[in-house]
Protein backbone atom coordinates (compact mmCIF):
# COMPACT_ATOMS: atom_id res chain seq x y z
CA MET A 1 108.08 117.04 36.75
CA GLY A 2 104.75 118.88 36.78
CA THR A 3 103.01 115.66 37.86
CA ALA A 4 105.36 115.31 40.86
CA ILE A 5 104.58 118.85 42.02
CA VAL A 6 100.84 118.30 41.66
CA ALA A 7 101.13 115.00 43.58
CA ALA A 8 103.11 116.71 46.37
CA ILE A 9 100.59 119.54 46.65
CA ALA A 10 97.72 117.06 46.67
CA THR A 11 99.22 115.29 49.70
CA LEU A 12 99.71 118.48 51.73
CA PRO A 13 96.22 118.52 53.30
CA ALA A 14 96.64 114.91 54.41
CA LEU A 15 100.01 115.67 55.96
CA THR A 16 98.63 118.75 57.68
CA MET A 17 95.78 116.74 59.16
CA LEU A 18 98.23 114.21 60.57
CA ALA A 19 100.41 116.89 62.11
CA ALA A 20 97.58 118.93 63.64
CA PRO A 21 97.40 118.78 67.45
CA ALA A 22 94.52 116.97 69.10
CA GLN A 23 91.62 119.28 69.81
CA ALA A 24 90.58 119.63 73.42
CA ALA A 25 87.06 118.54 74.22
CA SER A 26 84.67 121.27 75.25
CA ALA A 27 85.00 122.29 78.87
CA VAL A 28 82.69 120.90 81.53
CA SER A 29 81.54 123.36 84.19
CA MET A 30 81.97 121.90 87.67
CA PRO A 31 80.43 123.96 90.52
CA LEU A 32 82.27 123.36 93.79
CA LEU A 33 80.06 123.06 96.86
CA VAL A 34 80.78 123.10 100.59
CA ASP A 35 81.57 119.39 100.68
CA MET A 36 84.67 117.40 101.48
CA HIS A 37 85.50 114.13 99.74
CA SER A 38 88.18 111.54 100.40
CA CYS A 39 90.60 110.68 97.60
CA ASP A 40 88.26 107.96 96.29
CA PHE A 41 85.42 110.56 96.09
CA GLN A 42 83.55 109.29 99.13
CA LYS A 43 81.80 112.17 100.89
CA VAL A 44 83.26 112.99 104.31
CA ASN A 45 80.22 113.60 106.52
CA TYR A 46 82.00 114.63 109.71
CA ALA A 47 84.02 117.56 108.30
CA ARG A 48 83.06 120.99 109.60
CA HIS A 49 83.53 124.17 107.57
CA PHE A 50 85.35 126.73 109.78
CA GLY A 51 85.80 129.49 107.23
CA PRO A 52 84.38 132.97 107.60
CA GLY A 53 82.26 132.80 104.46
CA TRP A 54 80.78 130.70 101.75
CA ALA A 55 82.67 131.20 98.53
CA GLN A 56 81.35 130.51 95.05
CA PRO A 57 84.05 128.46 93.30
CA VAL A 58 83.69 126.76 89.93
CA ALA A 59 86.08 124.72 87.80
CA GLN A 60 86.08 124.40 84.03
CA ILE A 61 87.44 120.94 83.18
CA SER A 62 88.91 120.06 79.80
CA SER A 63 91.19 117.37 78.42
CA ASP A 64 93.26 116.67 75.34
CA GLY A 65 93.40 112.93 76.06
CA HIS A 66 96.83 113.12 77.72
CA THR A 67 96.43 115.99 80.19
CA ALA A 68 93.44 117.14 82.20
CA THR A 69 93.14 120.88 82.85
CA ALA A 70 90.98 122.72 85.36
CA ARG A 71 90.51 126.47 85.32
CA VAL A 72 89.45 127.21 88.91
CA GLU A 73 87.72 130.49 89.70
CA ILE A 74 86.50 131.71 93.07
CA LYS A 75 84.19 134.61 93.96
CA ASP A 76 83.25 135.80 97.44
CA GLY A 77 86.10 133.83 99.01
CA THR A 78 88.20 134.88 101.96
CA PRO A 79 89.92 138.16 100.95
CA ASN A 80 93.71 138.12 100.44
CA ALA A 81 93.95 134.37 101.03
CA GLN A 82 95.75 131.50 99.34
CA TYR A 83 93.57 128.48 98.57
CA VAL A 84 94.97 125.17 97.32
CA ALA A 85 93.34 123.57 94.27
CA ARG A 86 93.98 119.88 93.57
CA LEU A 87 93.02 118.08 90.36
CA ILE A 88 92.41 114.45 91.32
CA PRO A 89 92.11 111.54 88.87
CA ALA A 90 89.36 108.94 89.23
CA PRO A 91 89.29 106.21 90.05
CA HIS A 92 91.77 106.84 92.85
CA ALA A 93 92.75 105.07 96.04
CA ALA A 94 91.25 106.26 99.33
CA LEU A 95 94.58 107.80 100.42
CA GLY A 96 97.37 109.69 98.71
CA CYS A 97 95.83 112.66 96.91
CA GLU A 98 97.38 115.51 98.86
CA ALA A 99 99.29 118.29 97.14
CA GLY A 100 102.51 116.91 95.71
CA ALA A 101 101.33 113.28 95.57
CA PRO A 102 102.08 111.47 92.29
CA GLY A 103 99.49 112.15 89.58
CA ILE A 104 97.82 114.97 91.52
CA GLY A 105 97.80 118.41 89.93
CA THR A 106 98.17 121.28 92.40
CA ALA A 107 97.92 125.06 92.09
CA ALA A 108 97.60 128.03 94.43
CA VAL A 109 94.52 130.21 94.01
CA SER A 110 95.27 133.62 95.50
CA THR A 111 92.34 135.93 96.18
CA ASP A 112 92.32 139.69 96.06
CA ALA A 113 90.72 142.13 98.51
CA THR A 114 87.24 141.15 97.23
CA GLY A 115 87.84 137.40 97.60
CA THR A 116 88.15 136.82 93.85
CA GLY A 117 90.88 134.67 92.32
CA SER A 118 91.67 132.08 89.68
CA ALA A 119 94.32 129.59 88.65
CA THR A 120 94.87 126.78 86.18
CA VAL A 121 95.85 123.33 87.38
CA GLN A 122 96.88 120.37 85.21
CA ALA A 123 97.46 116.67 85.78
CA PRO A 124 98.48 113.83 83.48
CA ILE A 125 95.78 111.34 82.53
CA GLY A 126 97.23 108.02 83.66
CA ALA A 127 96.28 104.55 82.51
CA GLY A 128 92.85 103.60 83.79
CA THR A 129 91.79 107.18 84.55
CA THR A 130 88.22 107.80 83.44
CA GLY A 131 87.59 111.17 85.08
CA VAL A 132 88.88 113.98 87.28
CA TRP A 133 87.53 116.23 90.00
CA VAL A 134 88.73 119.32 91.86
CA ALA A 135 89.18 119.86 95.59
CA LEU A 136 89.61 123.48 96.70
CA GLU A 137 90.74 124.17 100.27
CA LEU A 138 91.82 127.08 102.43
CA PRO A 139 94.36 125.71 104.93
CA ALA A 140 93.73 126.46 108.61
CA PRO A 141 96.74 127.77 110.53
CA HIS A 142 96.43 125.41 113.53
CA SER A 143 94.49 122.43 112.21
CA GLN A 144 94.80 119.60 109.74
CA THR A 145 91.19 120.25 108.73
CA PRO A 146 90.98 123.11 106.22
CA ALA A 147 89.18 126.30 107.25
CA GLU A 148 87.17 126.11 104.02
CA PHE A 149 86.73 123.22 101.59
CA TYR A 150 84.83 122.81 98.35
CA SER A 151 84.34 119.89 95.96
CA PRO A 152 81.88 118.88 93.23
CA THR A 153 78.95 116.48 93.22
CA PHE A 154 80.26 114.61 90.19
CA ILE A 155 83.43 113.44 88.45
CA ALA A 156 84.08 114.92 85.00
CA SER A 157 84.86 112.40 82.26
CA VAL A 158 88.20 112.76 80.46
């Protein structure tokens, strides 16, 4: 009987290792610049930034292999505004990455009186996805073009 207990205790570390959750990779810092990209990450050269200021947004991208997560933070944005952050998988088709589209993570980033805000947005990592990127936009009240838009210069690997 003593041998059975010792054998059971000896297997506990192995069982614990199997049951432990996957560790998230270290976060990648993704500065967001005053650029607009199409869904397939092609830079849109004709978009004009109408916003009152130039915010300083950044996204911290991480992944556990099944879900991509972006912690989006903005400083010096439009005060008391509601930006829309989208986490977009890559590769992606040229169309179909608006808020609510399948596979697109979406979150509201509300700013305070100083233009500071943050939010976390997640999206599943689908088959064939090799990376993700973040688009941050401040909708314009009477235009389909956002008043402000920000996106990175690279796609983060997941």
